[in-house]
């Protein structure tokens, strides 16, 4: 089968590999129908994810059809259309039992697919812990509508859930890339008083203004003053940092009012520093970490009922054979790209 593989630092390439086989009774083999490219894949390519293993098939955003199941799999059957969770998790350890599935203690737990084991930018993928890692797609939800459920949409849902957003809040989302927009969609479900999105890319600002006209937009160099002017208590009640640069990390806590929640959603290429003497007295609560992707069934229900629609984020579609061209467009943000669907 054809795969897109992490060959060495700075180099991905198309490579033929055998179709994966069941290794454990809890596994499933999924025939991938659609995959997508994530910024985390770019981080792997450039060596910013030390745990990523050279030689693995990349990709952790995908939907497909169950081709084969292990003897212990109960929740899905052959022929089911399914979303694939970015995280594989046993469902039994302390962290899984408490909803912290990103920290599953099993050797294949957490972010494994496309990082430590073969992922889904391929024709087939083996999914460990299929009962927790796969969710059936409702009949009236298309593959394109469901494509982002297992990763960027799960990330946005997780970020909104842990940020303690209240109806009287003014919230600031820094970054209007794919994860930022998914975070926006999930924050909108909380119906806060006001939402501000900070973004420097003109095409992404236009996208927000077109699709979500009630959301305020601002560029980074005007953000601090704009947020203070458009909030009730000298800053945002909740800040969600989804951009992942040194300057946006600082901007996040600067724009927060005293005693606010700052949720760091982004993945950074370099360590970040909290200048505590400058922050003294703001009494901020920081929330950080990788997505705990255990809400996929609820997210699918929200898509089915029309409360979440991420299909407009798909700006480009490529066959797997042309995935290198897709990566070039995505990594360099060409042609107004937001997300790319890869037909496998």
C-alpha atoms as a PDB file:
ATOM      1  CA  UNK A   1       0.000   0.000   0.000  1.00  0.00           C
ATOM      2  CA  UNK A   2       1.059   3.613  -0.508  1.00  0.00           C
ATOM      3  CA  UNK A   3       2.075   5.617   2.563  1.00  0.00           C
ATOM      4  CA  UNK A   4       3.594   8.995   3.385  1.00  0.00           C
ATOM      5  CA  UNK A   5       6.546   8.277   5.651  1.00  0.00           C
ATOM      6  CA  UNK A   6       8.897  10.150   8.003  1.00  0.00           C
ATOM      7  CA  UNK A   7      12.246   9.228   6.464  1.00  0.00           C
ATOM      8  CA  UNK A   8      14.603  11.508   8.407  1.00  0.00           C
ATOM      9  CA  UNK A   9      14.657  14.987   9.928  1.00  0.00           C
ATOM     10  CA  UNK A  10      13.422  17.385   7.277  1.00  0.00           C
ATOM     11  CA  UNK A  11      12.343  14.636   4.889  1.00  0.00           C
ATOM     12  CA  UNK A  12       9.017  12.895   4.278  1.00  0.00           C
ATOM     13  CA  UNK A  13       8.383  10.722   1.245  1.00  0.00           C
ATOM     14  CA  UNK A  14       5.924   8.396  -0.473  1.00  0.00           C
ATOM     15  CA  UNK A  15       6.760   4.772   0.247  1.00  0.00           C
ATOM     16  CA  UNK A  16       5.201   1.386  -0.343  1.00  0.00           C
ATOM     17  CA  UNK A  17       4.585  -0.692   2.799  1.00  0.00           C
ATOM     18  CA  UNK A  18       2.660  -3.903   3.535  1.00  0.00           C
ATOM     19  CA  UNK A  19      -0.983  -3.527   4.548  1.00  0.00           C
ATOM     20  CA  UNK A  20      -1.036  -3.575   8.380  1.00  0.00           C
ATOM     21  CA  UNK A  21      -2.243  -6.646  10.234  1.00  0.00           C
ATOM     22  CA  UNK A  22      -4.029  -7.199  13.549  1.00  0.00           C
ATOM     23  CA  UNK A  23      -1.428  -7.446  16.335  1.00  0.00           C
ATOM     24  CA  UNK A  24      -3.713  -7.431  19.379  1.00  0.00           C
ATOM     25  CA  UNK A  25      -7.290  -8.548  20.004  1.00  0.00           C
ATOM     26  CA  UNK A  26      -8.224  -4.905  20.644  1.00  0.00           C
ATOM     27  CA  UNK A  27      -6.929  -3.688  17.242  1.00  0.00           C
ATOM     28  CA  UNK A  28      -8.869  -2.710  14.159  1.00  0.00           C
ATOM     29  CA  UNK A  29      -7.681  -2.238  10.596  1.00  0.00           C
ATOM     30  CA  UNK A  30      -9.282   0.781   8.945  1.00  0.00           C
ATOM     31  CA  UNK A  31      -9.326   1.469   5.228  1.00  0.00           C
ATOM     32  CA  UNK A  32      -8.621   5.203   5.113  1.00  0.00           C
ATOM     33  CA  UNK A  33     -10.986   7.156   2.892  1.00  0.00           C
ATOM     34  CA  UNK A  34      -9.926  10.701   3.820  1.00  0.00           C
ATOM     35  CA  UNK A  35      -6.920  11.996   5.739  1.00  0.00           C
ATOM     36  CA  UNK A  36      -5.646  15.483   6.435  1.00  0.00           C
ATOM     37  CA  UNK A  37      -2.413  17.317   7.166  1.00  0.00           C
ATOM     38  CA  UNK A  38      -1.870  18.844  10.595  1.00  0.00           C
ATOM     39  CA  UNK A  39       0.657  21.402  11.785  1.00  0.00           C
ATOM     40  CA  UNK A  40       1.911  18.675  14.141  1.00  0.00           C
ATOM     41  CA  UNK A  41       3.001  16.740  11.052  1.00  0.00           C
ATOM     42  CA  UNK A  42       5.102  19.753  10.081  1.00  0.00           C
ATOM     43  CA  UNK A  43       6.594  19.807  13.588  1.00  0.00           C
ATOM     44  CA  UNK A  44       7.575  16.135  13.138  1.00  0.00           C
ATOM     45  CA  UNK A  45       9.158  16.879   9.778  1.00  0.00           C
ATOM     46  CA  UNK A  46      11.385  19.548  11.280  1.00  0.00           C
ATOM     47  CA  UNK A  47      12.400  17.558  14.336  1.00  0.00           C
ATOM     48  CA  UNK A  48      10.294  19.408  16.911  1.00  0.00           C
ATOM     49  CA  UNK A  49       8.675  16.196  18.190  1.00  0.00           C
ATOM     50  CA  UNK A  50      11.532  14.175  19.732  1.00  0.00           C
ATOM     51  CA  UNK A  51       9.347  11.134  20.413  1.00  0.00           C
ATOM     52  CA  UNK A  52       8.454  10.784  16.719  1.00  0.00           C
ATOM     53  CA  UNK A  53      10.063   7.667  15.233  1.00  0.00           C
ATOM     54  CA  UNK A  54      11.822   7.755  11.885  1.00  0.00           C
ATOM     55  CA  UNK A  55      10.293   5.310   9.435  1.00  0.00           C
ATOM     56  CA  UNK A  56       6.714   5.642  10.661  1.00  0.00           C
ATOM     57  CA  UNK A  57       3.819   6.544   8.399  1.00  0.00           C
ATOM     58  CA  UNK A  58       2.701  10.025   9.375  1.00  0.00           C
ATOM     59  CA  UNK A  59      -0.822  11.347   9.794  1.00  0.00           C
ATOM     60  CA  UNK A  60      -3.270  11.333  12.688  1.00  0.00           C
ATOM     61  CA  UNK A  61      -6.351  12.996  11.157  1.00  0.00           C
ATOM     62  CA  UNK A  62      -8.436  10.508   9.222  1.00  0.00           C
ATOM     63  CA  UNK A  63     -11.762   8.805   8.661  1.00  0.00           C
ATOM     64  CA  UNK A  64     -12.376   5.459   7.027  1.00  0.00           C
ATOM     65  CA  UNK A  65     -14.153   2.124   6.921  1.00  0.00           C
ATOM     66  CA  UNK A  66     -13.482  -0.719   9.347  1.00  0.00           C
ATOM     67  CA  UNK A  67     -11.867  -3.516   7.364  1.00  0.00           C
ATOM     68  CA  UNK A  68     -11.004  -5.982  10.135  1.00  0.00           C
ATOM     69  CA  UNK A  69     -11.364  -6.194  13.935  1.00  0.00           C
ATOM     70  CA  UNK A  70      -9.681  -8.119  16.703  1.00  0.00           C
ATOM     71  CA  UNK A  71     -11.617 -10.677  18.736  1.00  0.00           C
ATOM     72  CA  UNK A  72     -12.106  -8.324  21.702  1.00  0.00           C
ATOM     73  CA  UNK A  73     -13.487  -5.343  19.761  1.00  0.00           C
ATOM     74  CA  UNK A  74     -17.153  -4.727  20.619  1.00  0.00           C
ATOM     75  CA  UNK A  75     -18.069  -1.138  19.702  1.00  0.00           C
ATOM     76  CA  UNK A  76     -17.466  -1.244  15.945  1.00  0.00           C
ATOM     77  CA  UNK A  77     -17.909  -3.855  13.251  1.00  0.00           C
ATOM     78  CA  UNK A  78     -16.544  -4.482   9.783  1.00  0.00           C
ATOM     79  CA  UNK A  79     -18.079  -2.039   7.327  1.00  0.00           C
ATOM     80  CA  UNK A  80     -18.678   0.784   9.816  1.00  0.00           C
ATOM     81  CA  UNK A  81     -17.633   4.276   8.747  1.00  0.00           C
ATOM     82  CA  UNK A  82     -15.556   5.681  11.585  1.00  0.00           C
ATOM     83  CA  UNK A  83     -13.554   8.646  12.816  1.00  0.00           C
ATOM     84  CA  UNK A  84     -10.107   7.817  14.182  1.00  0.00           C
ATOM     85  CA  UNK A  85      -9.034   9.501  17.403  1.00  0.00           C
ATOM     86  CA  UNK A  86      -5.644  11.217  17.405  1.00  0.00           C
ATOM     87  CA  UNK A  87      -5.011   9.432  20.699  1.00  0.00           C
ATOM     88  CA  UNK A  88      -5.053   5.739  21.413  1.00  0.00           C
ATOM     89  CA  UNK A  89      -6.015   4.935  24.977  1.00  0.00           C
ATOM     90  CA  UNK A  90      -6.721   1.819  26.966  1.00  0.00           C
ATOM     91  CA  UNK A  91      -9.703   3.205  28.892  1.00  0.00           C
ATOM     92  CA  UNK A  92      -8.610   1.332  32.020  1.00  0.00           C
ATOM     93  CA  UNK A  93      -5.612   3.088  33.628  1.00  0.00           C
ATOM     94  CA  UNK A  94      -5.859   5.886  36.222  1.00  0.00           C
ATOM     95  CA  UNK A  95      -5.534   8.654  33.635  1.00  0.00           C
ATOM     96  CA  UNK A  96      -8.080   7.163  31.222  1.00  0.00           C
ATOM     97  CA  UNK A  97     -10.561   6.596  34.043  1.00  0.00           C
ATOM     98  CA  UNK A  98     -10.271  10.302  34.921  1.00  0.00           C
ATOM     99  CA  UNK A  99     -10.624  11.518  31.336  1.00  0.00           C
ATOM    100  CA  UNK A 100      -6.927  12.341  30.860  1.00  0.00           C
ATOM    101  CA  UNK A 101      -6.568  10.024  27.886  1.00  0.00           C
ATOM    102  CA  UNK A 102      -3.569  11.886  26.467  1.00  0.00           C
ATOM    103  CA  UNK A 103      -1.632  10.472  29.425  1.00  0.00           C
ATOM    104  CA  UNK A 104      -2.715   6.845  29.039  1.00  0.00           C
ATOM    105  CA  UNK A 105       0.032   4.725  30.592  1.00  0.00           C
ATOM    106  CA  UNK A 106      -0.112   1.915  28.029  1.00  0.00           C
ATOM    107  CA  UNK A 107       2.912   1.781  25.713  1.00  0.00           C
ATOM    108  CA  UNK A 108       0.604   2.588  22.792  1.00  0.00           C
ATOM    109  CA  UNK A 109      -1.345   5.206  24.742  1.00  0.00           C
ATOM    110  CA  UNK A 110      -1.568   8.923  24.041  1.00  0.00           C
ATOM    111  CA  UNK A 111      -0.460  10.361  20.729  1.00  0.00           C
ATOM    112  CA  UNK A 112       0.909   7.263  19.026  1.00  0.00           C
ATOM    113  CA  UNK A 113      -0.635   7.247  15.536  1.00  0.00           C
ATOM    114  CA  UNK A 114       1.600   8.995  13.053  1.00  0.00           C
ATOM    115  CA  UNK A 115       4.164   9.692  15.751  1.00  0.00           C
ATOM    116  CA  UNK A 116       5.335   6.466  17.401  1.00  0.00           C
ATOM    117  CA  UNK A 117       3.390   3.941  15.295  1.00  0.00           C
ATOM    118  CA  UNK A 118       2.231   4.048  11.679  1.00  0.00           C
ATOM    119  CA  UNK A 119      -0.467   6.633  11.062  1.00  0.00           C
ATOM    120  CA  UNK A 120      -3.120   7.368   8.500  1.00  0.00           C
ATOM    121  CA  UNK A 121      -1.672   9.211   5.516  1.00  0.00           C
ATOM    122  CA  UNK A 122      -1.915   5.828   3.869  1.00  0.00           C
ATOM    123  CA  UNK A 123      -4.403   3.444   2.350  1.00  0.00           C
ATOM    124  CA  UNK A 124      -4.822   1.470   5.596  1.00  0.00           C
ATOM    125  CA  UNK A 125      -4.052   2.044   9.278  1.00  0.00           C
ATOM    126  CA  UNK A 126      -3.960  -0.214  12.335  1.00  0.00           C
ATOM    127  CA  UNK A 127      -5.735   1.387  15.297  1.00  0.00           C
ATOM    128  CA  UNK A 128      -4.928   0.025  18.770  1.00  0.00           C
ATOM    129  CA  UNK A 129      -7.742   0.079  21.349  1.00  0.00           C
ATOM    130  CA  UNK A 130     -10.375   0.315  18.631  1.00  0.00           C
ATOM    131  CA  UNK A 131     -13.243   0.428  21.139  1.00  0.00           C
ATOM    132  CA  UNK A 132     -12.004   3.762  22.513  1.00  0.00           C
ATOM    133  CA  UNK A 133     -10.180   5.093  19.441  1.00  0.00           C
ATOM    134  CA  UNK A 134     -12.932   4.717  16.833  1.00  0.00           C
ATOM    135  CA  UNK A 135     -16.348   6.372  16.701  1.00  0.00           C
ATOM    136  CA  UNK A 136     -19.084   5.467  14.240  1.00  0.00           C
ATOM    137  CA  UNK A 137     -20.051   8.268  11.871  1.00  0.00           C
ATOM    138  CA  UNK A 138     -23.819   8.879  11.712  1.00  0.00           C
ATOM    139  CA  UNK A 139     -25.373   7.996   8.345  1.00  0.00           C
ATOM    140  CA  UNK A 140     -26.284  11.615   7.578  1.00  0.00           C
ATOM    141  CA  UNK A 141     -22.767  12.938   8.322  1.00  0.00           C
ATOM    142  CA  UNK A 142     -20.327  12.840   5.402  1.00  0.00           C
ATOM    143  CA  UNK A 143     -16.663  11.875   5.600  1.00  0.00           C
ATOM    144  CA  UNK A 144     -15.706  15.489   4.907  1.00  0.00           C
ATOM    145  CA  UNK A 145     -17.925  16.727   7.733  1.00  0.00           C
ATOM    146  CA  UNK A 146     -16.370  14.204  10.121  1.00  0.00           C
ATOM    147  CA  UNK A 147     -12.741  14.504   9.004  1.00  0.00           C
ATOM    148  CA  UNK A 148     -11.547  16.735  11.849  1.00  0.00           C
ATOM    149  CA  UNK A 149     -13.435  15.093  14.711  1.00  0.00           C
ATOM    150  CA  UNK A 150     -10.502  13.028  15.962  1.00  0.00           C
ATOM    151  CA  UNK A 151      -7.923  15.802  16.179  1.00  0.00           C
ATOM    152  CA  UNK A 152      -8.269  19.550  15.557  1.00  0.00           C
ATOM    153  CA  UNK A 153     -11.971  19.585  16.406  1.00  0.00           C
ATOM    154  CA  UNK A 154     -11.380  17.408  19.467  1.00  0.00           C
ATOM    155  CA  UNK A 155      -8.610  19.846  20.426  1.00  0.00           C
ATOM    156  CA  UNK A 156     -10.913  22.833  20.097  1.00  0.00           C
ATOM    157  CA  UNK A 157     -13.625  21.092  22.079  1.00  0.00           C
ATOM    158  CA  UNK A 158     -11.157  20.139  24.828  1.00  0.00           C
ATOM    159  CA  UNK A 159      -9.756  23.677  24.965  1.00  0.00           C
ATOM    160  CA  UNK A 160     -13.208  25.251  25.261  1.00  0.00           C
ATOM    161  CA  UNK A 161     -14.251  22.696  27.867  1.00  0.00           C
ATOM    162  CA  UNK A 162     -11.327  23.300  30.233  1.00  0.00           C
ATOM    163  CA  UNK A 163     -11.349  27.099  29.858  1.00  0.00           C
ATOM    164  CA  UNK A 164     -14.351  27.674  32.144  1.00  0.00           C
ATOM    165  CA  UNK A 165     -16.071  29.997  29.648  1.00  0.00           C
ATOM    166  CA  UNK A 166     -19.138  31.766  31.053  1.00  0.00           C
ATOM    167  CA  UNK A 167     -21.926  33.589  29.259  1.00  0.00           C
ATOM    168  CA  UNK A 168     -20.829  37.008  30.593  1.00  0.00           C
ATOM    169  CA  UNK A 169     -17.237  36.538  29.422  1.00  0.00           C
ATOM    170  CA  UNK A 170     -15.205  38.253  26.779  1.00  0.00           C
ATOM    171  CA  UNK A 171     -12.841  35.667  25.341  1.00  0.00           C
ATOM    172  CA  UNK A 172      -9.785  36.081  23.159  1.00  0.00           C
ATOM    173  CA  UNK A 173      -8.573  33.406  20.744  1.00  0.00           C
ATOM    174  CA  UNK A 174      -5.057  33.995  19.422  1.00  0.00           C
ATOM    175  CA  UNK A 175      -4.576  32.332  16.061  1.00  0.00           C
ATOM    176  CA  UNK A 176      -7.090  31.585  13.293  1.00  0.00           C
ATOM    177  CA  UNK A 177      -5.426  28.570  11.781  1.00  0.00           C
ATOM    178  CA  UNK A 178      -7.333  25.284  11.598  1.00  0.00           C
ATOM    179  CA  UNK A 179      -7.078  24.569  15.336  1.00  0.00           C
ATOM    180  CA  UNK A 180      -7.900  28.180  16.159  1.00  0.00           C
ATOM    181  CA  UNK A 181     -11.047  28.074  14.039  1.00  0.00           C
ATOM    182  CA  UNK A 182     -12.091  24.754  15.580  1.00  0.00           C
ATOM    183  CA  UNK A 183     -11.498  26.286  19.013  1.00  0.00           C
ATOM    184  CA  UNK A 184     -13.653  29.227  17.952  1.00  0.00           C
ATOM    185  CA  UNK A 185     -16.484  26.928  16.841  1.00  0.00           C
ATOM    186  CA  UNK A 186     -16.442  25.094  20.157  1.00  0.00           C
ATOM    187  CA  UNK A 187     -16.170  28.286  22.197  1.00  0.00           C
ATOM    188  CA  UNK A 188     -19.217  29.621  20.361  1.00  0.00           C
ATOM    189  CA  UNK A 189     -21.213  26.723  21.804  1.00  0.00           C
ATOM    190  CA  UNK A 190     -20.643  28.297  25.241  1.00  0.00           C
ATOM    191  CA  UNK A 191     -22.322  31.532  23.994  1.00  0.00           C
ATOM    192  CA  UNK A 192     -19.973  34.020  25.693  1.00  0.00           C
ATOM    193  CA  UNK A 193     -20.818  37.709  25.587  1.00  0.00           C
ATOM    194  CA  UNK A 194     -18.041  38.548  23.149  1.00  0.00           C
ATOM    195  CA  UNK A 195     -15.422  36.678  21.138  1.00  0.00           C
ATOM    196  CA  UNK A 196     -12.282  38.319  19.750  1.00  0.00           C
ATOM    197  CA  UNK A 197      -9.963  36.510  17.333  1.00  0.00           C
ATOM    198  CA  UNK A 198      -6.404  37.763  16.864  1.00  0.00           C
ATOM    199  CA  UNK A 199      -4.780  36.828  13.552  1.00  0.00           C
ATOM    200  CA  UNK A 200      -2.141  38.402  11.278  1.00  0.00           C
ATOM    201  CA  UNK A 201      -3.018  36.577   8.036  1.00  0.00           C
ATOM    202  CA  UNK A 202      -5.399  38.664   5.905  1.00  0.00           C
ATOM    203  CA  UNK A 203      -6.997  35.659   4.183  1.00  0.00           C
ATOM    204  CA  UNK A 204      -7.804  34.040   7.524  1.00  0.00           C
ATOM    205  CA  UNK A 205      -9.243  37.289   8.859  1.00  0.00           C
ATOM    206  CA  UNK A 206     -11.466  37.415   5.767  1.00  0.00           C
ATOM    207  CA  UNK A 207     -12.501  33.810   6.396  1.00  0.00           C
ATOM    208  CA  UNK A 208     -13.562  34.632   9.979  1.00  0.00           C
ATOM    209  CA  UNK A 209     -15.391  37.788   8.918  1.00  0.00           C
ATOM    210  CA  UNK A 210     -17.247  35.909   6.164  1.00  0.00           C
ATOM    211  CA  UNK A 211     -18.295  32.828   8.104  1.00  0.00           C
ATOM    212  CA  UNK A 212     -18.631  34.212  11.659  1.00  0.00           C
ATOM    213  CA  UNK A 213     -19.663  37.886  11.302  1.00  0.00           C
ATOM    214  CA  UNK A 214     -20.439  38.335  15.012  1.00  0.00           C
ATOM    215  CA  UNK A 215     -16.823  37.585  15.952  1.00  0.00           C
ATOM    216  CA  UNK A 216     -14.480  40.562  16.327  1.00  0.00           C
ATOM    217  CA  UNK A 217     -11.093  40.333  14.600  1.00  0.00           C
ATOM    218  CA  UNK A 218      -7.850  42.177  15.283  1.00  0.00           C
ATOM    219  CA  UNK A 219      -4.201  41.958  14.252  1.00  0.00           C
ATOM    220  CA  UNK A 220      -1.478  41.194  16.818  1.00  0.00           C
ATOM    221  CA  UNK A 221       0.069  44.666  16.927  1.00  0.00           C
ATOM    222  CA  UNK A 222      -3.309  46.186  17.841  1.00  0.00           C
ATOM    223  CA  UNK A 223      -4.560  43.330  19.995  1.00  0.00           C
ATOM    224  CA  UNK A 224      -3.696  44.483  23.517  1.00  0.00           C
ATOM    225  CA  UNK A 225      -5.319  47.892  23.152  1.00  0.00           C
ATOM    226  CA  UNK A 226      -8.306  46.428  21.275  1.00  0.00           C
ATOM    227  CA  UNK A 227      -8.972  43.782  23.936  1.00  0.00           C
ATOM    228  CA  UNK A 228      -8.788  46.305  26.754  1.00  0.00           C
ATOM    229  CA  UNK A 229     -11.188  48.584  24.900  1.00  0.00           C
ATOM    230  CA  UNK A 230     -13.660  45.773  24.179  1.00  0.00           C
ATOM    231  CA  UNK A 231     -13.714  44.054  27.571  1.00  0.00           C
ATOM    232  CA  UNK A 232     -15.325  44.990  30.862  1.00  0.00           C
ATOM    233  CA  UNK A 233     -12.450  44.450  33.284  1.00  0.00           C
ATOM    234  CA  UNK A 234      -9.267  45.583  31.588  1.00  0.00           C
ATOM    235  CA  UNK A 235      -8.650  42.403  29.637  1.00  0.00           C
ATOM    236  CA  UNK A 236     -10.149  39.157  28.411  1.00  0.00           C
ATOM    237  CA  UNK A 237     -11.807  36.853  30.944  1.00  0.00           C
ATOM    238  CA  UNK A 238     -10.463  33.837  29.041  1.00  0.00           C
ATOM    239  CA  UNK A 239      -7.561  33.696  26.590  1.00  0.00           C
ATOM    240  CA  UNK A 240      -6.934  30.683  24.362  1.00  0.00           C
ATOM    241  CA  UNK A 241      -3.463  30.726  22.764  1.00  0.00           C
ATOM    242  CA  UNK A 242      -3.552  28.675  19.582  1.00  0.00           C
ATOM    243  CA  UNK A 243      -0.818  30.328  17.492  1.00  0.00           C
ATOM    244  CA  UNK A 244       2.354  28.970  19.084  1.00  0.00           C
ATOM    245  CA  UNK A 245       4.991  31.705  18.776  1.00  0.00           C
ATOM    246  CA  UNK A 246       7.098  33.530  21.351  1.00  0.00           C
ATOM    247  CA  UNK A 247       5.199  36.756  20.762  1.00  0.00           C
ATOM    248  CA  UNK A 248       1.737  35.184  20.983  1.00  0.00           C
ATOM    249  CA  UNK A 249       2.644  33.391  24.198  1.00  0.00           C
ATOM    250  CA  UNK A 250       3.477  36.759  25.753  1.00  0.00           C
ATOM    251  CA  UNK A 251       0.430  38.407  24.190  1.00  0.00           C
ATOM    252  CA  UNK A 252      -1.827  35.786  25.785  1.00  0.00           C
ATOM    253  CA  UNK A 253      -1.018  36.700  29.374  1.00  0.00           C
ATOM    254  CA  UNK A 254      -0.725  40.420  28.600  1.00  0.00           C
ATOM    255  CA  UNK A 255      -4.284  40.489  27.214  1.00  0.00           C
ATOM    256  CA  UNK A 256      -5.754  38.575  30.161  1.00  0.00           C
ATOM    257  CA  UNK A 257      -7.449  40.485  32.959  1.00  0.00           C
ATOM    258  CA  UNK A 258      -6.351  39.770  36.536  1.00  0.00           C
ATOM    259  CA  UNK A 259      -7.566  36.349  37.729  1.00  0.00           C
ATOM    260  CA  UNK A 260      -8.312  35.213  34.180  1.00  0.00           C
ATOM    261  CA  UNK A 261      -7.828  31.764  32.666  1.00  0.00           C
ATOM    262  CA  UNK A 262      -5.145  31.411  29.988  1.00  0.00           C
ATOM    263  CA  UNK A 263      -5.384  28.132  28.074  1.00  0.00           C
ATOM    264  CA  UNK A 264      -2.319  27.236  26.028  1.00  0.00           C
ATOM    265  CA  UNK A 265      -3.478  25.071  23.138  1.00  0.00           C
ATOM    266  CA  UNK A 266      -0.513  25.614  20.823  1.00  0.00           C
ATOM    267  CA  UNK A 267       2.548  23.425  20.338  1.00  0.00           C
ATOM    268  CA  UNK A 268       5.794  25.437  20.385  1.00  0.00           C
ATOM    269  CA  UNK A 269       9.090  24.862  18.605  1.00  0.00           C
ATOM    270  CA  UNK A 270      11.043  26.368  21.523  1.00  0.00           C
ATOM    271  CA  UNK A 271      10.656  26.621  25.328  1.00  0.00           C
ATOM    272  CA  UNK A 272       8.582  29.532  26.606  1.00  0.00           C
ATOM    273  CA  UNK A 273       9.368  31.653  29.663  1.00  0.00           C
ATOM    274  CA  UNK A 274       6.944  33.190  32.129  1.00  0.00           C
ATOM    275  CA  UNK A 275       8.392  36.518  33.340  1.00  0.00           C
ATOM    276  CA  UNK A 276       6.895  36.158  36.792  1.00  0.00           C
ATOM    277  CA  UNK A 277       8.055  39.544  38.188  1.00  0.00           C
ATOM    278  CA  UNK A 278       6.172  41.316  35.374  1.00  0.00           C
ATOM    279  CA  UNK A 279       3.105  39.169  35.968  1.00  0.00           C
ATOM    280  CA  UNK A 280       3.048  39.520  39.719  1.00  0.00           C
ATOM    281  CA  UNK A 281      -0.433  40.361  40.945  1.00  0.00           C
ATOM    282  CA  UNK A 282      -2.304  39.222  37.839  1.00  0.00           C
ATOM    283  CA  UNK A 283      -3.078  35.919  39.589  1.00  0.00           C
ATOM    284  CA  UNK A 284      -3.588  34.062  36.331  1.00  0.00           C
ATOM    285  CA  UNK A 285      -4.568  30.434  35.984  1.00  0.00           C
ATOM    286  CA  UNK A 286      -2.684  28.702  33.176  1.00  0.00           C
ATOM    287  CA  UNK A 287      -4.035  25.523  31.605  1.00  0.00           C
ATOM    288  CA  UNK A 288      -1.816  23.611  29.213  1.00  0.00           C
ATOM    289  CA  UNK A 289      -1.319  20.238  27.624  1.00  0.00           C
ATOM    290  CA  UNK A 290      -2.227  17.992  24.750  1.00  0.00           C
ATOM    291  CA  UNK A 291      -5.812  17.329  23.763  1.00  0.00           C
ATOM    292  CA  UNK A 292      -7.762  14.775  25.780  1.00  0.00           C
ATOM    293  CA  UNK A 293      -9.754  13.424  22.861  1.00  0.00           C
ATOM    294  CA  UNK A 294     -12.507  11.602  24.712  1.00  0.00           C
ATOM    295  CA  UNK A 295     -15.466  13.703  23.476  1.00  0.00           C
ATOM    296  CA  UNK A 296     -15.642  12.484  19.875  1.00  0.00           C
ATOM    297  CA  UNK A 297     -19.064  10.876  20.199  1.00  0.00           C
ATOM    298  CA  UNK A 298     -20.520  14.119  21.551  1.00  0.00           C
ATOM    299  CA  UNK A 299     -18.796  16.101  18.795  1.00  0.00           C
ATOM    300  CA  UNK A 300     -20.296  13.829  16.129  1.00  0.00           C
ATOM    301  CA  UNK A 301     -23.735  14.414  17.653  1.00  0.00           C
ATOM    302  CA  UNK A 302     -23.178  18.169  17.452  1.00  0.00           C
ATOM    303  CA  UNK A 303     -22.201  17.850  13.782  1.00  0.00           C
ATOM    304  CA  UNK A 304     -25.241  15.671  13.095  1.00  0.00           C
ATOM    305  CA  UNK A 305     -27.531  18.281  14.680  1.00  0.00           C
ATOM    306  CA  UNK A 306     -25.953  21.118  12.680  1.00  0.00           C
ATOM    307  CA  UNK A 307     -24.362  22.875  15.665  1.00  0.00           C
ATOM    308  CA  UNK A 308     -20.801  22.438  14.354  1.00  0.00           C
ATOM    309  CA  UNK A 309     -19.758  22.649  10.712  1.00  0.00           C
ATOM    310  CA  UNK A 310     -16.071  22.354   9.846  1.00  0.00           C
ATOM    311  CA  UNK A 311     -16.465  21.498   6.161  1.00  0.00           C
ATOM    312  CA  UNK A 312     -15.759  25.135   5.101  1.00  0.00           C
ATOM    313  CA  UNK A 313     -12.244  24.664   6.511  1.00  0.00           C
ATOM    314  CA  UNK A 314     -11.448  22.227   3.689  1.00  0.00           C
ATOM    315  CA  UNK A 315     -10.042  24.581   1.071  1.00  0.00           C
ATOM    316  CA  UNK A 316      -8.088  21.995  -0.972  1.00  0.00           C
ATOM    317  CA  UNK A 317      -8.399  18.307  -1.878  1.00  0.00           C
ATOM    318  CA  UNK A 318      -5.589  16.096  -3.202  1.00  0.00           C
ATOM    319  CA  UNK A 319      -5.160  12.379  -3.906  1.00  0.00           C
ATOM    320  CA  UNK A 320      -2.598  10.556  -1.754  1.00  0.00           C
ATOM    321  CA  UNK A 321      -0.309  10.298  -4.792  1.00  0.00           C
ATOM    322  CA  UNK A 322       0.028  14.113  -4.790  1.00  0.00           C
ATOM    323  CA  UNK A 323       0.390  14.585  -1.029  1.00  0.00           C
ATOM    324  CA  UNK A 324       3.827  16.181  -1.405  1.00  0.00           C
ATOM    325  CA  UNK A 325       2.211  19.027  -3.348  1.00  0.00           C
ATOM    326  CA  UNK A 326      -0.432  19.281  -0.624  1.00  0.00           C
ATOM    327  CA  UNK A 327       2.271  19.546   2.051  1.00  0.00           C
ATOM    328  CA  UNK A 328       4.050  22.304   0.145  1.00  0.00           C
ATOM    329  CA  UNK A 329       0.855  24.353  -0.023  1.00  0.00           C
ATOM    330  CA  UNK A 330      -0.065  23.695   3.605  1.00  0.00           C
ATOM    331  CA  UNK A 331       3.353  24.325   5.118  1.00  0.00           C
ATOM    332  CA  UNK A 332       3.869  27.562   3.189  1.00  0.00           C
ATOM    333  CA  UNK A 333       0.265  28.738   3.605  1.00  0.00           C
ATOM    334  CA  UNK A 334      -0.230  29.209  -0.127  1.00  0.00           C
ATOM    335  CA  UNK A 335      -3.458  29.828  -2.009  1.00  0.00           C
ATOM    336  CA  UNK A 336      -5.531  30.720   1.074  1.00  0.00           C
ATOM    337  CA  UNK A 337      -5.164  27.209   2.480  1.00  0.00           C
ATOM    338  CA  UNK A 338      -6.762  26.305   5.792  1.00  0.00           C
ATOM    339  CA  UNK A 339      -7.111  22.506   5.694  1.00  0.00           C
ATOM    340  CA  UNK A 340      -6.462  19.902   3.029  1.00  0.00           C
ATOM    341  CA  UNK A 341      -8.400  16.686   2.520  1.00  0.00           C
ATOM    342  CA  UNK A 342      -6.275  13.817   1.192  1.00  0.00           C
ATOM    343  CA  UNK A 343      -8.168  11.111  -0.670  1.00  0.00           C
ATOM    344  CA  UNK A 344      -6.556   7.806   0.199  1.00  0.00           C
END
